[in-house]
C-alpha atoms as a PDB file:
ATOM      1  CA  MET A   1     107.185  -2.374  28.380  1.00  0.00           C
ATOM      2  CA  THR A   2     105.966   1.198  28.842  1.00  0.00           C
ATOM      3  CA  PRO A   3     103.057   2.080  26.557  1.00  0.00           C
ATOM      4  CA  GLN A   4     103.783   4.704  23.921  1.00  0.00           C
ATOM      5  CA  ASN A   5     101.221   7.129  25.335  1.00  0.00           C
ATOM      6  CA  GLN A   6     102.618   6.937  28.873  1.00  0.00           C
ATOM      7  CA  PRO A   7     105.192   9.618  29.800  1.00  0.00           C
ATOM      8  CA  ARG A   8     108.639   8.323  30.616  1.00  0.00           C
ATOM      9  CA  PRO A   9     109.775   8.507  34.269  1.00  0.00           C
ATOM     10  CA  LEU A  10     111.357  11.817  35.182  1.00  0.00           C
ATOM     11  CA  THR A  11     115.056  11.664  36.046  1.00  0.00           C
ATOM     12  CA  VAL A  12     115.681  14.223  38.790  1.00  0.00           C
ATOM     13  CA  ASP A  13     119.191  15.581  39.110  1.00  0.00           C
ATOM     14  CA  PRO A  14     120.226  16.279  42.757  1.00  0.00           C
ATOM     15  CA  SER A  15     120.942  19.917  41.841  1.00  0.00           C
ATOM     16  CA  TRP A  16     117.249  20.414  41.040  1.00  0.00           C
ATOM     17  CA  LYS A  17     116.100  19.795  44.618  1.00  0.00           C
ATOM     18  CA  PRO A  18     114.849  22.976  46.336  1.00  0.00           C
ATOM     19  CA  ILE A  19     116.294  23.765  49.761  1.00  0.00           C
ATOM     20  CA  ARG A  20     115.494  26.450  52.305  1.00  0.00           C
ATOM     21  CA  LEU A  21     117.771  29.469  52.053  1.00  0.00           C
ATOM     22  CA  ALA A  22     118.470  29.049  55.775  1.00  0.00           C
ATOM     23  CA  ASP A  23     120.008  25.643  54.982  1.00  0.00           C
ATOM     24  CA  VAL A  24     122.289  26.851  52.179  1.00  0.00           C
ATOM     25  CA  GLU A  25     125.950  26.137  52.913  1.00  0.00           C
ATOM     26  CA  VAL A  26     129.034  27.156  50.935  1.00  0.00           C
ATOM     27  CA  LYS A  27     131.328  24.199  50.352  1.00  0.00           C
ATOM     28  CA  GLY A  28     134.817  25.198  51.359  1.00  0.00           C
ATOM     29  CA  GLY A  29     133.250  27.744  53.699  1.00  0.00           C
ATOM     30  CA  GLY A  30     133.956  30.656  51.351  1.00  0.00           C
ATOM     31  CA  VAL A  31     137.519  30.610  52.703  1.00  0.00           C
ATOM     32  CA  PRO A  32     139.749  33.240  51.061  1.00  0.00           C
ATOM     33  CA  ILE A  33     142.767  31.993  49.112  1.00  0.00           C
ATOM     34  CA  VAL A  34     143.728  35.580  48.367  1.00  0.00           C
ATOM     35  CA  GLU A  35     141.811  38.049  50.502  1.00  0.00           C
ATOM     36  CA  ASN A  36     139.249  39.936  48.393  1.00  0.00           C
ATOM     37  CA  LEU A  37     140.456  38.367  45.112  1.00  0.00           C
ATOM     38  CA  LEU A  38     140.254  34.556  45.202  1.00  0.00           C
ATOM     39  CA  MET A  39     137.881  32.512  47.325  1.00  0.00           C
ATOM     40  CA  LYS A  40     136.986  28.850  47.666  1.00  0.00           C
ATOM     41  CA  GLY A  41     133.630  28.200  46.041  1.00  0.00           C
ATOM     42  CA  ALA A  42     134.022  31.075  43.570  1.00  0.00           C
ATOM     43  CA  ILE A  43     135.426  31.799  40.107  1.00  0.00           C
ATOM     44  CA  THR A  44     137.744  34.754  39.454  1.00  0.00           C
ATOM     45  CA  LEU A  45     138.509  35.885  35.895  1.00  0.00           C
ATOM     46  CA  LEU A  46     141.838  37.630  35.211  1.00  0.00           C
ATOM     47  CA  SER A  47     141.764  39.396  31.851  1.00  0.00           C
ATOM     48  CA  ALA A  48     144.600  41.279  30.132  1.00  0.00           C
ATOM     49  CA  ARG A  49     146.222  41.953  26.783  1.00  0.00           C
ATOM     50  CA  GLU A  50     148.768  39.466  25.459  1.00  0.00           C
ATOM     51  CA  LYS A  51     152.307  39.665  26.910  1.00  0.00           C
ATOM     52  CA  VAL A  52     151.284  41.957  29.764  1.00  0.00           C
ATOM     53  CA  GLY A  53     152.586  39.465  32.322  1.00  0.00           C
ATOM     54  CA  LYS A  54     149.550  37.385  33.312  1.00  0.00           C
ATOM     55  CA  THR A  55     151.437  34.123  33.769  1.00  0.00           C
ATOM     56  CA  THR A  56     154.327  35.871  35.550  1.00  0.00           C
ATOM     57  CA  LEU A  57     151.788  37.407  37.928  1.00  0.00           C
ATOM     58  CA  ILE A  58     150.126  34.074  38.664  1.00  0.00           C
ATOM     59  CA  SER A  59     153.466  32.266  39.030  1.00  0.00           C
ATOM     60  CA  HIS A  60     154.282  34.816  41.739  1.00  0.00           C
ATOM     61  CA  LEU A  61     150.925  34.072  43.404  1.00  0.00           C
ATOM     62  CA  ALA A  62     151.777  30.352  43.378  1.00  0.00           C
ATOM     63  CA  LYS A  63     155.155  30.985  45.047  1.00  0.00           C
ATOM     64  CA  VAL A  64     153.459  32.918  47.835  1.00  0.00           C
ATOM     65  CA  ALA A  65     150.703  30.290  48.226  1.00  0.00           C
ATOM     66  CA  TYR A  66     153.330  27.574  48.757  1.00  0.00           C
ATOM     67  CA  GLN A  67     155.154  29.486  51.482  1.00  0.00           C
ATOM     68  CA  PRO A  68     154.443  27.875  54.889  1.00  0.00           C
ATOM     69  CA  GLY A  69     152.964  31.041  56.348  1.00  0.00           C
ATOM     70  CA  GLY A  70     151.485  32.452  53.173  1.00  0.00           C
ATOM     71  CA  GLY A  71     152.239  36.095  52.500  1.00  0.00           C
ATOM     72  CA  GLU A  72     150.853  38.887  50.327  1.00  0.00           C
ATOM     73  CA  PHE A  73     149.756  39.123  46.714  1.00  0.00           C
ATOM     74  CA  LEU A  74     148.889  42.575  45.339  1.00  0.00           C
ATOM     75  CA  GLY A  75     148.771  43.789  48.919  1.00  0.00           C
ATOM     76  CA  GLN A  76     146.188  41.163  49.928  1.00  0.00           C
ATOM     77  CA  LYS A  77     146.728  38.357  52.444  1.00  0.00           C
ATOM     78  CA  VAL A  78     147.374  34.894  50.938  1.00  0.00           C
ATOM     79  CA  THR A  79     146.402  31.675  52.708  1.00  0.00           C
ATOM     80  CA  PRO A  80     148.819  28.763  52.113  1.00  0.00           C
ATOM     81  CA  SER A  81     147.140  26.703  49.382  1.00  0.00           C
ATOM     82  CA  LYS A  82     147.710  23.763  47.048  1.00  0.00           C
ATOM     83  CA  ILE A  83     147.341  24.608  43.365  1.00  0.00           C
ATOM     84  CA  LEU A  84     146.587  22.622  40.218  1.00  0.00           C
ATOM     85  CA  TYR A  85     147.746  24.725  37.250  1.00  0.00           C
ATOM     86  CA  VAL A  86     146.345  23.739  33.834  1.00  0.00           C
ATOM     87  CA  SER A  87     148.492  25.487  31.231  1.00  0.00           C
ATOM     88  CA  GLU A  88     148.622  25.898  27.473  1.00  0.00           C
ATOM     89  CA  GLU A  89     152.397  26.403  27.700  1.00  0.00           C
ATOM     90  CA  PRO A  90     154.894  23.557  27.121  1.00  0.00           C
ATOM     91  CA  ALA A  91     157.172  21.719  29.538  1.00  0.00           C
ATOM     92  CA  LEU A  92     160.130  23.693  28.126  1.00  0.00           C
ATOM     93  CA  VAL A  93     158.715  26.934  29.553  1.00  0.00           C
ATOM     94  CA  TRP A  94     157.607  25.513  32.904  1.00  0.00           C
ATOM     95  CA  ALA A  95     160.872  23.671  33.528  1.00  0.00           C
ATOM     96  CA  ALA A  96     162.720  26.980  33.054  1.00  0.00           C
ATOM     97  CA  ARG A  97     160.379  28.728  35.504  1.00  0.00           C
ATOM     98  CA  ARG A  98     160.969  25.974  38.049  1.00  0.00           C
ATOM     99  CA  ASP A  99     164.746  26.005  37.600  1.00  0.00           C
ATOM    100  CA  ASP A 100     164.858  29.810  37.847  1.00  0.00           C
ATOM    101  CA  ASP A 101     162.811  29.624  41.067  1.00  0.00           C
ATOM    102  CA  ASP A 102     159.968  31.533  39.413  1.00  0.00           C
ATOM    103  CA  ALA A 103     157.415  28.826  40.277  1.00  0.00           C
ATOM    104  CA  PRO A 104     157.162  26.407  43.232  1.00  0.00           C
ATOM    105  CA  GLU A 105     158.423  22.868  42.703  1.00  0.00           C
ATOM    106  CA  ASP A 106     155.531  21.336  44.646  1.00  0.00           C
ATOM    107  CA  MET A 107     152.810  22.887  42.496  1.00  0.00           C
ATOM    108  CA  GLU A 108     150.984  20.362  40.301  1.00  0.00           C
ATOM    109  CA  VAL A 109     150.604  21.154  36.603  1.00  0.00           C
ATOM    110  CA  ILE A 110     148.738  19.721  33.624  1.00  0.00           C
ATOM    111  CA  LEU A 111     150.570  20.890  30.509  1.00  0.00           C
ATOM    112  CA  ARG A 112     148.823  21.173  27.146  1.00  0.00           C
ATOM    113  CA  PRO A 113     146.112  18.574  27.818  1.00  0.00           C
ATOM    114  CA  ILE A 114     144.810  16.973  24.622  1.00  0.00           C
ATOM    115  CA  GLY A 115     141.143  16.910  23.724  1.00  0.00           C
ATOM    116  CA  THR A 116     139.798  19.519  26.143  1.00  0.00           C
ATOM    117  CA  SER A 117     138.369  21.582  23.278  1.00  0.00           C
ATOM    118  CA  HIS A 118     137.299  18.588  21.138  1.00  0.00           C
ATOM    119  CA  GLY A 119     133.610  18.942  21.912  1.00  0.00           C
ATOM    120  CA  HIS A 120     131.509  19.631  24.972  1.00  0.00           C
ATOM    121  CA  GLN A 121     131.496  16.085  26.395  1.00  0.00           C
ATOM    122  CA  SER A 122     135.295  15.902  26.286  1.00  0.00           C
ATOM    123  CA  TRP A 123     135.421  19.185  28.214  1.00  0.00           C
ATOM    124  CA  VAL A 124     132.917  17.932  30.803  1.00  0.00           C
ATOM    125  CA  ASP A 125     134.955  14.752  31.283  1.00  0.00           C
ATOM    126  CA  PHE A 126     138.141  16.778  31.743  1.00  0.00           C
ATOM    127  CA  CYS A 127     136.545  19.027  34.390  1.00  0.00           C
ATOM    128  CA  ARG A 128     135.252  15.952  36.226  1.00  0.00           C
ATOM    129  CA  HIS A 129     138.771  14.523  36.120  1.00  0.00           C
ATOM    130  CA  ILE A 130     140.144  17.763  37.588  1.00  0.00           C
ATOM    131  CA  LEU A 131     137.562  17.659  40.383  1.00  0.00           C
ATOM    132  CA  ALA A 132     138.267  14.014  41.217  1.00  0.00           C
ATOM    133  CA  HIS A 133     142.011  14.686  41.330  1.00  0.00           C
ATOM    134  CA  ALA A 134     141.517  17.809  43.434  1.00  0.00           C
ATOM    135  CA  ASN A 135     139.387  15.945  45.964  1.00  0.00           C
ATOM    136  CA  GLU A 136     141.964  13.165  46.203  1.00  0.00           C
ATOM    137  CA  HIS A 137     144.934  15.512  46.632  1.00  0.00           C
ATOM    138  CA  ASP A 138     143.317  18.265  48.765  1.00  0.00           C
ATOM    139  CA  THR A 139     143.725  20.907  46.070  1.00  0.00           C
ATOM    140  CA  ASP A 140     142.537  24.403  47.010  1.00  0.00           C
ATOM    141  CA  LEU A 141     142.817  26.319  43.717  1.00  0.00           C
ATOM    142  CA  VAL A 142     142.474  25.336  40.053  1.00  0.00           C
ATOM    143  CA  ILE A 143     143.994  27.704  37.475  1.00  0.00           C
ATOM    144  CA  LEU A 144     143.024  27.465  33.787  1.00  0.00           C
ATOM    145  CA  ASP A 145     145.490  29.382  31.608  1.00  0.00           C
ATOM    146  CA  THR A 146     144.048  30.380  29.180  1.00  0.00           C
ATOM    147  CA  TRP A 147     140.286  30.067  28.851  1.00  0.00           C
ATOM    148  CA  MET A 148     140.525  30.443  25.070  1.00  0.00           C
ATOM    149  CA  HIS A 149     142.773  27.374  24.857  1.00  0.00           C
ATOM    150  CA  PHE A 150     140.372  25.089  26.758  1.00  0.00           C
ATOM    151  CA  ASN A 151     136.938  26.551  25.978  1.00  0.00           C
ATOM    152  CA  PRO A 152     135.119  24.028  23.705  1.00  0.00           C
ATOM    153  CA  SER A 153     132.839  26.711  22.230  1.00  0.00           C
ATOM    154  CA  GLU A 154     133.300  27.368  18.522  1.00  0.00           C
ATOM    155  CA  SER A 155     132.974  31.104  19.115  1.00  0.00           C
ATOM    156  CA  GLU A 156     133.727  33.223  22.188  1.00  0.00           C
ATOM    157  CA  ASN A 157     130.881  35.499  21.091  1.00  0.00           C
ATOM    158  CA  ASN A 158     128.263  32.721  21.175  1.00  0.00           C
ATOM    159  CA  ASN A 159     126.754  33.315  24.616  1.00  0.00           C
ATOM    160  CA  SER A 160     124.699  30.127  24.503  1.00  0.00           C
ATOM    161  CA  ASP A 161     127.766  27.945  23.839  1.00  0.00           C
ATOM    162  CA  VAL A 162     129.922  29.765  26.382  1.00  0.00           C
ATOM    163  CA  SER A 163     127.200  29.484  29.057  1.00  0.00           C
ATOM    164  CA  LYS A 164     127.179  25.748  28.426  1.00  0.00           C
ATOM    165  CA  ALA A 165     130.983  25.567  28.533  1.00  0.00           C
ATOM    166  CA  ILE A 166     131.297  27.421  31.836  1.00  0.00           C
ATOM    167  CA  LYS A 167     128.928  25.092  33.752  1.00  0.00           C
ATOM    168  CA  PRO A 168     131.544  22.333  34.305  1.00  0.00           C
ATOM    169  CA  VAL A 169     133.872  25.030  35.694  1.00  0.00           C
ATOM    170  CA  GLN A 170     131.100  26.184  38.025  1.00  0.00           C
ATOM    171  CA  MET A 171     130.803  22.532  39.112  1.00  0.00           C
ATOM    172  CA  ILE A 172     134.443  22.677  40.281  1.00  0.00           C
ATOM    173  CA  ALA A 173     133.805  25.887  42.226  1.00  0.00           C
ATOM    174  CA  ASP A 174     130.538  24.602  43.698  1.00  0.00           C
ATOM    175  CA  ALA A 175     132.471  21.628  45.091  1.00  0.00           C
ATOM    176  CA  GLY A 176     134.405  24.078  47.276  1.00  0.00           C
ATOM    177  CA  LEU A 177     137.500  24.861  45.203  1.00  0.00           C
ATOM    178  CA  GLY A 178     138.722  28.251  44.113  1.00  0.00           C
ATOM    179  CA  VAL A 179     138.933  28.698  40.331  1.00  0.00           C
ATOM    180  CA  LEU A 180     141.027  31.256  38.446  1.00  0.00           C
ATOM    181  CA  LEU A 181     140.447  31.682  34.718  1.00  0.00           C
ATOM    182  CA  ILE A 182     143.075  33.524  32.674  1.00  0.00           C
ATOM    183  CA  HIS A 183     141.670  35.270  29.614  1.00  0.00           C
ATOM    184  CA  HIS A 184     142.583  37.830  26.963  1.00  0.00           C
ATOM    185  CA  HIS A 185     141.353  41.361  26.454  1.00  0.00           C
ATOM    186  CA  ALA A 186     139.598  42.468  23.306  1.00  0.00           C
ATOM    187  CA  LYS A 187     141.569  44.855  21.071  1.00  0.00           C
ATOM    188  CA  ASN A 188     139.520  47.790  22.336  1.00  0.00           C
ATOM    189  CA  GLY A 189     139.912  46.697  25.970  1.00  0.00           C
ATOM    190  CA  GLY A 190     137.709  44.719  28.324  1.00  0.00           C
ATOM    191  CA  VAL A 191     137.018  40.979  28.439  1.00  0.00           C
ATOM    192  CA  ARG A 192     137.107  39.418  24.979  1.00  0.00           C
ATOM    193  CA  GLY A 193     134.003  37.667  23.673  1.00  0.00           C
ATOM    194  CA  GLY A 194     130.336  37.898  24.611  1.00  0.00           C
ATOM    195  CA  THR A 195     128.750  38.609  27.961  1.00  0.00           C
ATOM    196  CA  ALA A 196     128.267  35.000  29.112  1.00  0.00           C
ATOM    197  CA  LEU A 197     131.768  34.542  30.554  1.00  0.00           C
ATOM    198  CA  PRO A 198     132.015  37.726  32.660  1.00  0.00           C
ATOM    199  CA  SER A 199     128.422  37.184  33.821  1.00  0.00           C
ATOM    200  CA  ALA A 200     129.241  33.687  35.100  1.00  0.00           C
ATOM    201  CA  VAL A 201     132.141  34.589  37.404  1.00  0.00           C
ATOM    202  CA  GLU A 202     132.189  36.180  40.849  1.00  0.00           C
ATOM    203  CA  LEU A 203     135.031  38.629  40.219  1.00  0.00           C
ATOM    204  CA  ILE A 204     136.748  40.122  37.176  1.00  0.00           C
ATOM    205  CA  ILE A 205     140.292  41.491  37.449  1.00  0.00           C
ATOM    206  CA  ASN A 206     141.308  43.640  34.483  1.00  0.00           C
ATOM    207  CA  MET A 207     145.097  43.972  34.274  1.00  0.00           C
ATOM    208  CA  THR A 208     146.487  46.812  32.140  1.00  0.00           C
ATOM    209  CA  ARG A 209     149.603  48.895  31.622  1.00  0.00           C
ATOM    210  CA  PRO A 210     149.565  52.653  32.246  1.00  0.00           C
ATOM    211  CA  THR A 211     148.884  54.727  29.135  1.00  0.00           C
ATOM    212  CA  ARG A 212     150.350  57.836  27.551  1.00  0.00           C
ATOM    213  CA  THR A 213     149.562  60.095  24.620  1.00  0.00           C
ATOM    214  CA  GLY A 214     151.487  59.050  21.501  1.00  0.00           C
ATOM    215  CA  PRO A 215     153.015  61.310  18.820  1.00  0.00           C
ATOM    216  CA  ASP A 216     149.778  61.186  16.828  1.00  0.00           C
ATOM    217  CA  GLY A 217     147.722  62.240  19.842  1.00  0.00           C
ATOM    218  CA  ALA A 218     146.228  58.767  20.356  1.00  0.00           C
ATOM    219  CA  THR A 219     146.306  56.988  23.707  1.00  0.00           C
ATOM    220  CA  GLU A 220     148.753  54.076  23.822  1.00  0.00           C
ATOM    221  CA  GLU A 221     150.076  51.652  26.420  1.00  0.00           C
ATOM    222  CA  ARG A 222     153.509  52.338  27.902  1.00  0.00           C
ATOM    223  CA  LEU A 223     155.125  49.069  26.802  1.00  0.00           C
ATOM    224  CA  ASP A 224     158.379  49.764  28.663  1.00  0.00           C
ATOM    225  CA  ASP A 225     156.625  50.418  31.975  1.00  0.00           C
ATOM    226  CA  ARG A 226     156.875  47.999  34.923  1.00  0.00           C
ATOM    227  CA  ASP A 227     153.718  49.409  36.516  1.00  0.00           C
ATOM    228  CA  ARG A 228     150.392  47.606  36.229  1.00  0.00           C
ATOM    229  CA  ILE A 229     146.842  48.675  37.031  1.00  0.00           C
ATOM    230  CA  PHE A 230     144.358  46.118  38.369  1.00  0.00           C
ATOM    231  CA  LYS A 231     140.656  47.012  38.295  1.00  0.00           C
ATOM    232  CA  MET A 232     138.201  44.729  40.072  1.00  0.00           C
ATOM    233  CA  ILE A 233     134.510  44.323  39.266  1.00  0.00           C
ATOM    234  CA  GLY A 234     132.386  41.752  41.057  1.00  0.00           C
ATOM    235  CA  ARG A 235     130.808  40.396  44.187  1.00  0.00           C
ATOM    236  CA  PHE A 236     133.767  40.587  46.592  1.00  0.00           C
ATOM    237  CA  PRO A 237     133.892  43.666  48.857  1.00  0.00           C
ATOM    238  CA  GLY A 238     137.583  44.276  48.225  1.00  0.00           C
ATOM    239  CA  PRO A 239     139.427  47.160  46.584  1.00  0.00           C
ATOM    240  CA  SER A 240     138.143  48.278  43.192  1.00  0.00           C
ATOM    241  CA  GLU A 241     141.579  49.371  41.942  1.00  0.00           C
ATOM    242  CA  ILE A 242     145.176  48.463  42.804  1.00  0.00           C
ATOM    243  CA  ARG A 243     148.358  49.894  41.268  1.00  0.00           C
ATOM    244  CA  ALA A 244     151.583  47.928  41.559  1.00  0.00           C
ATOM    245  CA  THR A 245     155.156  47.869  40.218  1.00  0.00           C
ATOM    246  CA  TRP A 246     157.015  44.729  39.161  1.00  0.00           C
ATOM    247  CA  THR A 247     160.356  44.528  40.988  1.00  0.00           C
ATOM    248  CA  GLY A 248     161.680  41.422  39.263  1.00  0.00           C
ATOM    249  CA  ASP A 249     160.270  38.879  41.711  1.00  0.00           C
ATOM    250  CA  ARG A 250     157.044  40.435  42.997  1.00  0.00           C
ATOM    251  CA  TYR A 251     154.584  43.315  42.587  1.00  0.00           C
ATOM    252  CA  ASP A 252     154.955  46.147  45.097  1.00  0.00           C
ATOM    253  CA  VAL A 253     151.609  47.806  45.731  1.00  0.00           C
ATOM    254  CA  ASP A 254     151.168  51.572  45.903  1.00  0.00           C
ATOM    255  CA  GLN A 255     149.054  51.674  49.074  1.00  0.00           C
ATOM    256  CA  SER A 256     148.157  55.337  48.530  1.00  0.00           C
ATOM    257  CA  ALA A 257     146.572  54.499  45.169  1.00  0.00           C
ATOM    258  CA  ILE A 258     144.250  51.701  46.344  1.00  0.00           C
ATOM    259  CA  VAL A 259     140.615  52.573  45.591  1.00  0.00           C
ATOM    260  CA  ARG A 260     138.288  51.089  48.175  1.00  0.00           C
ATOM    261  CA  HIS A 261     135.113  49.231  47.240  1.00  0.00           C
ATOM    262  CA  PRO A 262     132.147  51.533  48.113  1.00  0.00           C
ATOM    263  CA  ALA A 263     130.518  49.020  50.487  1.00  0.00           C
ATOM    264  CA  THR A 264     133.857  48.392  52.221  1.00  0.00           C
ATOM    265  CA  ALA A 265     134.468  52.110  52.668  1.00  0.00           C
ATOM    266  CA  ILE A 266     130.990  52.611  54.163  1.00  0.00           C
ATOM    267  CA  ARG A 267     131.426  49.666  56.563  1.00  0.00           C
ATOM    268  CA  GLU A 268     134.794  51.017  57.688  1.00  0.00           C
ATOM    269  CA  GLU A 269     133.258  54.450  58.321  1.00  0.00           C
ATOM    270  CA  ARG A 270     130.389  52.924  60.308  1.00  0.00           C
ATOM    271  CA  LEU A 271     132.708  50.733  62.357  1.00  0.00           C
ATOM    272  CA  LEU A 272     134.942  53.686  63.216  1.00  0.00           C
ATOM    273  CA  ALA A 273     131.916  55.796  64.186  1.00  0.00           C
ATOM    274  CA  THR A 274     130.463  53.006  66.337  1.00  0.00           C
ATOM    275  CA  LEU A 275     133.761  52.304  68.076  1.00  0.00           C
ATOM    276  CA  SER A 276     134.325  56.031  68.674  1.00  0.00           C
ATOM    277  CA  LYS A 277     131.024  56.217  70.561  1.00  0.00           C
ATOM    278  CA  LEU A 278     131.861  53.141  72.637  1.00  0.00           C
ATOM    279  CA  GLY A 279     135.412  54.215  73.458  1.00  0.00           C
ATOM    280  CA  THR A 280     136.714  50.677  73.874  1.00  0.00           C
ATOM    281  CA  ALA A 281     134.887  47.501  72.878  1.00  0.00           C
ATOM    282  CA  THR A 282     135.242  43.895  71.830  1.00  0.00           C
ATOM    283  CA  SER A 283     134.194  42.865  68.341  1.00  0.00           C
ATOM    284  CA  GLY A 284     130.945  41.458  69.744  1.00  0.00           C
ATOM    285  CA  GLU A 285     130.157  44.738  71.497  1.00  0.00           C
ATOM    286  CA  ILE A 286     130.810  46.665  68.278  1.00  0.00           C
ATOM    287  CA  LYS A 287     128.408  44.411  66.360  1.00  0.00           C
ATOM    288  CA  ARG A 288     125.676  44.777  69.003  1.00  0.00           C
ATOM    289  CA  ALA A 289     126.004  48.584  68.967  1.00  0.00           C
ATOM    290  CA  TRP A 290     126.047  48.793  65.146  1.00  0.00           C
ATOM    291  CA  PRO A 291     123.338  51.156  63.815  1.00  0.00           C
ATOM    292  CA  LYS A 292     120.263  49.280  62.614  1.00  0.00           C
ATOM    293  CA  ASP A 293     119.648  51.632  59.694  1.00  0.00           C
ATOM    294  CA  GLY A 294     121.716  51.554  56.509  1.00  0.00           C
ATOM    295  CA  LEU A 295     124.451  49.070  55.598  1.00  0.00           C
ATOM    296  CA  SER A 296     124.758  46.123  57.999  1.00  0.00           C
ATOM    297  CA  THR A 297     127.951  44.619  59.408  1.00  0.00           C
ATOM    298  CA  GLY A 298     127.744  41.875  56.775  1.00  0.00           C
ATOM    299  CA  SER A 299     128.577  38.265  57.555  1.00  0.00           C
ATOM    300  CA  ASP A 300     130.944  37.329  60.392  1.00  0.00           C
ATOM    301  CA  SER A 301     133.809  36.932  57.909  1.00  0.00           C
ATOM    302  CA  THR A 302     133.020  40.318  56.317  1.00  0.00           C
ATOM    303  CA  PHE A 303     132.952  42.031  59.725  1.00  0.00           C
ATOM    304  CA  LYS A 304     136.224  40.403  60.793  1.00  0.00           C
ATOM    305  CA  ARG A 305     137.801  41.428  57.495  1.00  0.00           C
ATOM    306  CA  THR A 306     136.648  45.045  57.954  1.00  0.00           C
ATOM    307  CA  LEU A 307     137.967  45.199  61.513  1.00  0.00           C
ATOM    308  CA  SER A 308     141.256  43.541  60.543  1.00  0.00           C
ATOM    309  CA  GLU A 309     141.749  45.971  57.656  1.00  0.00           C
ATOM    310  CA  LEU A 310     141.267  48.962  59.956  1.00  0.00           C
ATOM    311  CA  VAL A 311     143.858  47.523  62.347  1.00  0.00           C
ATOM    312  CA  THR A 312     146.246  47.054  59.404  1.00  0.00           C
ATOM    313  CA  GLN A 313     145.639  50.673  58.374  1.00  0.00           C
ATOM    314  CA  ALA A 314     146.404  51.737  61.975  1.00  0.00           C
ATOM    315  CA  LYS A 315     142.996  53.403  62.242  1.00  0.00           C
ATOM    316  CA  VAL A 316     142.002  50.960  65.000  1.00  0.00           C
ATOM    317  CA  MET A 317     144.283  49.628  67.723  1.00  0.00           C
ATOM    318  CA  VAL A 318     144.090  46.629  70.042  1.00  0.00           C
ATOM    319  CA  ARG A 319     144.020  47.956  73.598  1.00  0.00           C
ATOM    320  CA  SER A 320     144.147  44.594  75.369  1.00  0.00           C
ATOM    321  CA  GLY A 321     143.434  40.909  75.032  1.00  0.00           C
ATOM    322  CA  VAL A 322     144.955  38.198  72.877  1.00  0.00           C
ATOM    323  CA  GLY A 323     141.758  36.873  71.335  1.00  0.00           C
ATOM    324  CA  GLY A 324     139.453  33.976  72.116  1.00  0.00           C
ATOM    325  CA  ALA A 325     136.548  33.587  74.505  1.00  0.00           C
ATOM    326  CA  GLN A 326     138.717  33.735  77.637  1.00  0.00           C
ATOM    327  CA  ASP A 327     140.616  36.911  76.743  1.00  0.00           C
ATOM    328  CA  PRO A 328     138.867  38.723  73.852  1.00  0.00           C
ATOM    329  CA  LYS A 329     140.622  41.551  72.097  1.00  0.00           C
ATOM    330  CA  VAL A 330     139.474  45.020  73.115  1.00  0.00           C
ATOM    331  CA  TYR A 331     139.649  47.641  70.379  1.00  0.00           C
ATOM    332  CA  ALA A 332     139.729  51.441  70.260  1.00  0.00           C
ATOM    333  CA  VAL A 333     140.029  54.048  67.558  1.00  0.00           C
ATOM    334  CA  ALA A 334     143.662  55.065  67.042  1.00  0.00           C
ATOM    335  CA  GLY A 335     144.621  57.914  69.345  1.00  0.00           C
ATOM    336  CA  PHE A 336     141.932  57.046  71.886  1.00  0.00           C
ATOM    337  CA  LYS A 337     142.807  58.083  75.400  1.00  0.00           C
ATOM    338  CA  ALA A 338     140.780  56.758  78.309  1.00  0.00           C
ATOM    339  CA  GLY A 339     139.356  59.413  80.571  1.00  0.00           C
ATOM    340  CA  PRO A 340     140.083  59.562  84.299  1.00  0.00           C
ATOM    341  CA  LYS A 341     138.363  56.928  86.395  1.00  0.00           C
ATOM    342  CA  PRO A 342     135.412  58.284  88.401  1.00  0.00           C
END
């Protein structure tokens, strides 16, 4: 028996072990599920007022994710993905969505799970169950709709409790899955509750209706409007604002109204300037010629995303090559004309 004055053995959790930054790896590889908006290994928070169309929006995302070739969501590329949707809504609602072809039949759902908010340990057990199921069934994205319904904290404004409640969700993301939390706005706008929740996620998407000036001079939402405004704040270098119109089965994006993320805009400018000086170049040649001062090219995935976006915008064209080591693509700024051979 251990003497009373002898300290008990220290139990070391694996997450406490220091590792060299050079050895840090992102489980899931940081693979985008929705370019710039949803990524494996990260948590995205979608926040909006009630009845703005959050679930309709995400049901549309699910339909695109289950298409064999993926597609687009809010103008961003979607990778085909398997989804586990945890919903506060009943089977009556989801069966109607399925039958009306508003949600994919193959998507897995957990409807109104019991006990998830009956104390912290119950919530931890539920998140572990989600992770075990996801690993067994190769799930890519977990959606929790809504956070208020599942959050075990007694108060959304208690930052200590919410910080504790979000850790099991971070465990799911750290295992390499994408996580999307659906949440409500406060009455005066913005994410409802304290600062712990928005601080714990990688990206916040605020979804709102356009506004107008009412008869009394106050600003009010246009409730009859099919347009929506999406403002992004976070760690992804994607657009900071997207405007889209609901057509009945999807959101059509107003490409002219997209506001670029500052870092993305600067990288695009630097890439165009570098490529202009080179005339024609492969992606590797562009990276090697990139100016050493100022903003870098970013990671390989960031650079590829920047180059791909400029091709999509028709600001850069592929002059030759199909890609790969044997026949790399050769790029040029749109409108480039090769000079006469010497």
